All heavy atoms as atom14 arrays in JSON, in Angstrom:
{
  "sequence": "STICLSLGKQLAQNRAKVVMLDVDVGLNN",
  "atom14_mask": [
    [1, 1, 1, 1, 1, 1, 0, 0, 0, 0, 0, 0, 0, 0],
    [1, 1, 1, 1, 1, 1, 1, 0, 0, 0, 0, 0, 0, 0],
    [1, 1, 1, 1, 1, 1, 1, 1, 0, 0, 0, 0, 0, 0],
    [1, 1, 1, 1, 1, 1, 0, 0, 0, 0, 0, 0, 0, 0],
    [1, 1, 1, 1, 1, 1, 1, 1, 0, 0, 0, 0, 0, 0],
    [1, 1, 1, 1, 1, 1, 0, 0, 0, 0, 0, 0, 0, 0],
    [1, 1, 1, 1, 1, 1, 1, 1, 0, 0, 0, 0, 0, 0],
    [1, 1, 1, 1, 0, 0, 0, 0, 0, 0, 0, 0, 0, 0],
    [1, 1, 1, 1, 1, 1, 1, 1, 1, 0, 0, 0, 0, 0],
    [1, 1, 1, 1, 1, 1, 1, 1, 1, 0, 0, 0, 0, 0],
    [1, 1, 1, 1, 1, 1, 1, 1, 0, 0, 0, 0, 0, 0],
    [1, 1, 1, 1, 1, 0, 0, 0, 0, 0, 0, 0, 0, 0],
    [1, 1, 1, 1, 1, 1, 1, 1, 1, 0, 0, 0, 0, 0],
    [1, 1, 1, 1, 1, 1, 1, 1, 0, 0, 0, 0, 0, 0],
    [1, 1, 1, 1, 1, 1, 1, 1, 1, 1, 1, 0, 0, 0],
    [1, 1, 1, 1, 1, 0, 0, 0, 0, 0, 0, 0, 0, 0],
    [1, 1, 1, 1, 1, 1, 1, 1, 1, 0, 0, 0, 0, 0],
    [1, 1, 1, 1, 1, 1, 1, 0, 0, 0, 0, 0, 0, 0],
    [1, 1, 1, 1, 1, 1, 1, 0, 0, 0, 0, 0, 0, 0],
    [1, 1, 1, 1, 1, 1, 1, 1, 0, 0, 0, 0, 0, 0],
    [1, 1, 1, 1, 1, 1, 1, 1, 0, 0, 0, 0, 0, 0],
    [1, 1, 1, 1, 1, 1, 1, 1, 0, 0, 0, 0, 0, 0],
    [1, 1, 1, 1, 1, 1, 1, 0, 0, 0, 0, 0, 0, 0],
    [1, 1, 1, 1, 1, 1, 1, 1, 0, 0, 0, 0, 0, 0],
    [1, 1, 1, 1, 1, 1, 1, 0, 0, 0, 0, 0, 0, 0],
    [1, 1, 1, 1, 0, 0, 0, 0, 0, 0, 0, 0, 0, 0],
    [1, 1, 1, 1, 1, 1, 1, 1, 0, 0, 0, 0, 0, 0],
    [1, 1, 1, 1, 1, 1, 1, 1, 0, 0, 0, 0, 0, 0],
    [1, 1, 1, 1, 1, 1, 1, 1, 0, 0, 0, 0, 0, 0]
  ],
  "atom14_positions": [
    [[3.05, 4.95, 6.34], [2.99, 4.82, 4.88], [4.06, 3.86, 4.36], [3.84, 3.11, 3.41], [3.13, 6.19, 4.22], [2.03, 7.01, 4.51], [0.0, 0.0, 0.0], [0.0, 0.0, 0.0], [0.0, 0.0, 0.0], [0.0, 0.0, 0.0], [0.0, 0.0, 0.0], [0.0, 0.0, 0.0], [0.0, 0.0, 0.0], [0.0, 0.0, 0.0]],
    [[5.24, 3.89, 5.0], [6.31, 2.96, 4.62], [5.89, 1.52, 4.87], [6.1, 0.64, 4.03], [7.59, 3.27, 5.42], [8.02, 4.6, 5.13], [8.7, 2.29, 5.06], [0.0, 0.0, 0.0], [0.0, 0.0, 0.0], [0.0, 0.0, 0.0], [0.0, 0.0, 0.0], [0.0, 0.0, 0.0], [0.0, 0.0, 0.0], [0.0, 0.0, 0.0]],
    [[5.27, 1.27, 6.03], [4.8, -0.08, 6.36], [3.69, -0.49, 5.41], [3.65, -1.62, 4.92], [4.31, -0.15, 7.81], [5.45, 0.16, 8.78], [3.71, -1.52, 8.11], [6.63, -0.78, 8.68], [0.0, 0.0, 0.0], [0.0, 0.0, 0.0], [0.0, 0.0, 0.0], [0.0, 0.0, 0.0], [0.0, 0.0, 0.0], [0.0, 0.0, 0.0]],
    [[2.77, 0.43, 5.11], [1.65, 0.15, 4.2], [2.18, -0.26, 2.83], [1.77, -1.29, 2.28], [0.74, 1.37, 4.1], [-0.72, 1.12, 3.08], [0.0, 0.0, 0.0], [0.0, 0.0, 0.0], [0.0, 0.0, 0.0], [0.0, 0.0, 0.0], [0.0, 0.0, 0.0], [0.0, 0.0, 0.0], [0.0, 0.0, 0.0], [0.0, 0.0, 0.0]],
    [[3.1, 0.53, 2.29], [3.66, 0.23, 0.98], [4.43, -1.09, 0.99], [4.26, -1.93, 0.1], [4.57, 1.37, 0.53], [5.34, 1.13, -0.76], [4.39, 1.04, -1.95], [6.38, 2.21, -0.99], [0.0, 0.0, 0.0], [0.0, 0.0, 0.0], [0.0, 0.0, 0.0], [0.0, 0.0, 0.0], [0.0, 0.0, 0.0], [0.0, 0.0, 0.0]],
    [[5.28, -1.27, 2.0], [6.1, -2.48, 2.06], [5.25, -3.73, 2.22], [5.51, -4.76, 1.59], [7.09, -2.37, 3.22], [7.92, -1.23, 3.09], [0.0, 0.0, 0.0], [0.0, 0.0, 0.0], [0.0, 0.0, 0.0], [0.0, 0.0, 0.0], [0.0, 0.0, 0.0], [0.0, 0.0, 0.0], [0.0, 0.0, 0.0], [0.0, 0.0, 0.0]],
    [[4.21, -3.64, 3.04], [3.29, -4.77, 3.21], [2.56, -5.07, 1.92], [2.42, -6.23, 1.51], [2.31, -4.47, 4.33], [1.18, -5.49, 4.55], [1.74, -6.85, 4.9], [0.21, -5.01, 5.62], [0.0, 0.0, 0.0], [0.0, 0.0, 0.0], [0.0, 0.0, 0.0], [0.0, 0.0, 0.0], [0.0, 0.0, 0.0], [0.0, 0.0, 0.0]],
    [[2.07, -4.02, 1.25], [1.35, -4.2, -0.01], [2.22, -4.87, -1.06], [1.77, -5.79, -1.77], [0.0, 0.0, 0.0], [0.0, 0.0, 0.0], [0.0, 0.0, 0.0], [0.0, 0.0, 0.0], [0.0, 0.0, 0.0], [0.0, 0.0, 0.0], [0.0, 0.0, 0.0], [0.0, 0.0, 0.0], [0.0, 0.0, 0.0], [0.0, 0.0, 0.0]],
    [[3.47, -4.44, -1.15], [4.39, -5.04, -2.13], [4.66, -6.51, -1.81], [4.7, -7.35, -2.71], [5.7, -4.25, -2.17], [5.6, -2.94, -2.92], [6.98, -2.42, -3.3], [6.87, -1.27, -4.27], [8.18, -0.85, -4.81], [0.0, 0.0, 0.0], [0.0, 0.0, 0.0], [0.0, 0.0, 0.0], [0.0, 0.0, 0.0], [0.0, 0.0, 0.0]],
    [[4.83, -6.8, -0.52], [5.12, -8.19, -0.14], [3.93, -9.09, -0.41], [4.07, -10.21, -0.9], [5.51, -8.25, 1.33], [6.0, -9.6, 1.77], [7.25, -10.04, 1.01], [8.29, -9.39, 1.07], [7.14, -11.14, 0.25], [0.0, 0.0, 0.0], [0.0, 0.0, 0.0], [0.0, 0.0, 0.0], [0.0, 0.0, 0.0], [0.0, 0.0, 0.0]],
    [[2.73, -8.61, -0.1], [1.53, -9.41, -0.37], [1.39, -9.66, -1.88], [1.01, -10.76, -2.3], [0.29, -8.7, 0.16], [0.15, -8.64, 1.7], [-0.99, -7.7, 2.09], [-0.09, -10.03, 2.27], [0.0, 0.0, 0.0], [0.0, 0.0, 0.0], [0.0, 0.0, 0.0], [0.0, 0.0, 0.0], [0.0, 0.0, 0.0], [0.0, 0.0, 0.0]],
    [[1.7, -8.63, -2.69], [1.62, -8.78, -4.14], [2.67, -9.76, -4.64], [2.41, -10.56, -5.55], [1.79, -7.42, -4.81], [0.0, 0.0, 0.0], [0.0, 0.0, 0.0], [0.0, 0.0, 0.0], [0.0, 0.0, 0.0], [0.0, 0.0, 0.0], [0.0, 0.0, 0.0], [0.0, 0.0, 0.0], [0.0, 0.0, 0.0], [0.0, 0.0, 0.0]],
    [[3.86, -9.72, -4.04], [4.91, -10.67, -4.42], [4.55, -12.09, -4.01], [5.04, -13.05, -4.59], [6.24, -10.25, -3.79], [6.83, -9.0, -4.43], [8.0, -8.43, -3.65], [8.41, -8.97, -2.62], [8.54, -7.33, -4.13], [0.0, 0.0, 0.0], [0.0, 0.0, 0.0], [0.0, 0.0, 0.0], [0.0, 0.0, 0.0], [0.0, 0.0, 0.0]],
    [[3.66, -12.19, -3.01], [3.17, -13.5, -2.58], [1.96, -13.95, -3.41], [1.2, -14.82, -2.99], [2.79, -13.46, -1.1], [3.99, -13.29, -0.19], [5.13, -13.35, -0.64], [3.74, -13.06, 1.09], [0.0, 0.0, 0.0], [0.0, 0.0, 0.0], [0.0, 0.0, 0.0], [0.0, 0.0, 0.0], [0.0, 0.0, 0.0], [0.0, 0.0, 0.0]],
    [[1.76, -13.29, -4.55], [0.74, -13.67, -5.53], [-0.68, -13.27, -5.13], [-1.66, -13.92, -5.53], [0.8, -15.17, -5.85], [2.13, -15.58, -6.45], [2.13, -17.04, -6.87], [3.4, -17.41, -7.48], [3.68, -18.62, -7.96], [2.76, -19.58, -7.9], [4.86, -18.87, -8.48], [0.0, 0.0, 0.0], [0.0, 0.0, 0.0], [0.0, 0.0, 0.0]],
    [[-0.8, -12.22, -4.34], [-2.12, -11.66, -4.03], [-2.3, -10.41, -4.88], [-1.33, -9.74, -5.25], [-2.22, -11.31, -2.55], [0.0, 0.0, 0.0], [0.0, 0.0, 0.0], [0.0, 0.0, 0.0], [0.0, 0.0, 0.0], [0.0, 0.0, 0.0], [0.0, 0.0, 0.0], [0.0, 0.0, 0.0], [0.0, 0.0, 0.0], [0.0, 0.0, 0.0]],
    [[-3.54, -10.09, -5.19], [-3.85, -8.87, -5.93], [-4.21, -7.79, -4.92], [-5.15, -7.94, -4.14], [-5.01, -9.12, -6.89], [-5.21, -7.99, -7.9], [-6.29, -8.35, -8.91], [-6.47, -7.21, -9.92], [-7.55, -7.51, -10.88], [0.0, 0.0, 0.0], [0.0, 0.0, 0.0], [0.0, 0.0, 0.0], [0.0, 0.0, 0.0], [0.0, 0.0, 0.0]],
    [[-3.43, -6.71, -4.92], [-3.49, -5.72, -3.86], [-3.74, -4.32, -4.43], [-3.17, -3.95, -5.46], [-2.18, -5.7, -3.04], [-2.27, -4.7, -1.88], [-1.83, -7.09, -2.52], [0.0, 0.0, 0.0], [0.0, 0.0, 0.0], [0.0, 0.0, 0.0], [0.0, 0.0, 0.0], [0.0, 0.0, 0.0], [0.0, 0.0, 0.0], [0.0, 0.0, 0.0]],
    [[-4.59, -3.54, -3.75], [-4.77, -2.14, -4.09], [-4.61, -1.32, -2.82], [-5.08, -1.72, -1.75], [-6.14, -1.87, -4.75], [-7.29, -2.24, -3.84], [-6.25, -0.4, -5.2], [0.0, 0.0, 0.0], [0.0, 0.0, 0.0], [0.0, 0.0, 0.0], [0.0, 0.0, 0.0], [0.0, 0.0, 0.0], [0.0, 0.0, 0.0], [0.0, 0.0, 0.0]],
    [[-3.91, -0.2, -2.93], [-3.69, 0.68, -1.78], [-4.38, 2.02, -2.02], [-4.25, 2.61, -3.09], [-2.2, 0.89, -1.55], [-1.53, -0.33, -0.97], [0.15, 0.02, -0.38], [1.03, -0.11, -1.91], [0.0, 0.0, 0.0], [0.0, 0.0, 0.0], [0.0, 0.0, 0.0], [0.0, 0.0, 0.0], [0.0, 0.0, 0.0], [0.0, 0.0, 0.0]],
    [[-5.11, 2.47, -1.0], [-5.81, 3.75, -1.06], [-5.17, 4.71, -0.08], [-5.02, 4.39, 1.1], [-7.3, 3.59, -0.71], [-8.26, 3.12, -1.8], [-7.97, 1.68, -2.19], [-9.7, 3.27, -1.34], [0.0, 0.0, 0.0], [0.0, 0.0, 0.0], [0.0, 0.0, 0.0], [0.0, 0.0, 0.0], [0.0, 0.0, 0.0], [0.0, 0.0, 0.0]],
    [[-4.79, 5.88, -0.58], [-4.28, 6.93, 0.3], [-5.47, 7.77, 0.73], [-6.05, 8.51, -0.07], [-3.26, 7.79, -0.46], [-2.47, 8.69, 0.48], [-2.95, 8.94, 1.6], [-1.38, 9.13, 0.09], [0.0, 0.0, 0.0], [0.0, 0.0, 0.0], [0.0, 0.0, 0.0], [0.0, 0.0, 0.0], [0.0, 0.0, 0.0], [0.0, 0.0, 0.0]],
    [[-5.87, 7.64, 1.99], [-7.08, 8.31, 2.48], [-6.74, 9.64, 3.15], [-7.61, 10.32, 3.68], [-7.84, 7.39, 3.46], [-9.24, 7.91, 3.74], [-7.94, 5.98, 2.9], [0.0, 0.0, 0.0], [0.0, 0.0, 0.0], [0.0, 0.0, 0.0], [0.0, 0.0, 0.0], [0.0, 0.0, 0.0], [0.0, 0.0, 0.0], [0.0, 0.0, 0.0]],
    [[-5.46, 10.03, 3.14], [-5.04, 11.28, 3.77], [-5.2, 12.42, 2.77], [-4.25, 12.84, 2.1], [-3.59, 11.16, 4.22], [-3.2, 12.24, 5.21], [-4.03, 13.15, 5.44], [-2.09, 12.2, 5.74], [0.0, 0.0, 0.0], [0.0, 0.0, 0.0], [0.0, 0.0, 0.0], [0.0, 0.0, 0.0], [0.0, 0.0, 0.0], [0.0, 0.0, 0.0]],
    [[-6.42, 12.94, 2.67], [-6.73, 13.96, 1.67], [-5.96, 15.24, 1.96], [-6.01, 15.79, 3.05], [-8.24, 14.26, 1.66], [-8.57, 15.36, 0.66], [-9.02, 13.0, 1.35], [0.0, 0.0, 0.0], [0.0, 0.0, 0.0], [0.0, 0.0, 0.0], [0.0, 0.0, 0.0], [0.0, 0.0, 0.0], [0.0, 0.0, 0.0], [0.0, 0.0, 0.0]],
    [[-5.23, 15.74, 0.95], [-4.5, 16.99, 1.07], [-3.11, 16.85, 1.62], [-2.23, 17.64, 1.29], [0.0, 0.0, 0.0], [0.0, 0.0, 0.0], [0.0, 0.0, 0.0], [0.0, 0.0, 0.0], [0.0, 0.0, 0.0], [0.0, 0.0, 0.0], [0.0, 0.0, 0.0], [0.0, 0.0, 0.0], [0.0, 0.0, 0.0], [0.0, 0.0, 0.0]],
    [[-2.87, 15.86, 2.47], [-1.55, 15.63, 3.06], [-1.01, 14.27, 2.66], [-0.23, 13.66, 3.38], [-1.64, 15.74, 4.59], [-2.07, 17.11, 5.13], [-2.25, 17.05, 6.65], [-1.04, 18.17, 4.77], [0.0, 0.0, 0.0], [0.0, 0.0, 0.0], [0.0, 0.0, 0.0], [0.0, 0.0, 0.0], [0.0, 0.0, 0.0], [0.0, 0.0, 0.0]],
    [[-1.43, 13.79, 1.52], [-1.08, 12.45, 1.06], [0.38, 12.38, 0.61], [0.92, 13.32, 0.04], [-2.0, 12.03, -0.09], [-2.07, 13.09, -1.16], [-2.44, 14.22, -0.88], [-1.72, 12.74, -2.4], [0.0, 0.0, 0.0], [0.0, 0.0, 0.0], [0.0, 0.0, 0.0], [0.0, 0.0, 0.0], [0.0, 0.0, 0.0], [0.0, 0.0, 0.0]],
    [[1.01, 11.23, 0.86], [2.38, 11.03, 0.38], [2.66, 9.61, -0.06], [3.8, 9.26, -0.35], [3.4, 11.45, 1.45], [3.21, 10.7, 2.76], [2.63, 9.63, 2.78], [3.71, 11.28, 3.84], [0.0, 0.0, 0.0], [0.0, 0.0, 0.0], [0.0, 0.0, 0.0], [0.0, 0.0, 0.0], [0.0, 0.0, 0.0], [0.0, 0.0, 0.0]]
  ]
}
């Protein structure tokens, strides 16, 4: 999850439009 978030933020900072889905139903963080 840390890598997912960090990658998403970096891609967004690189001017990409990014959406993240937490698919871990019930144990999401």
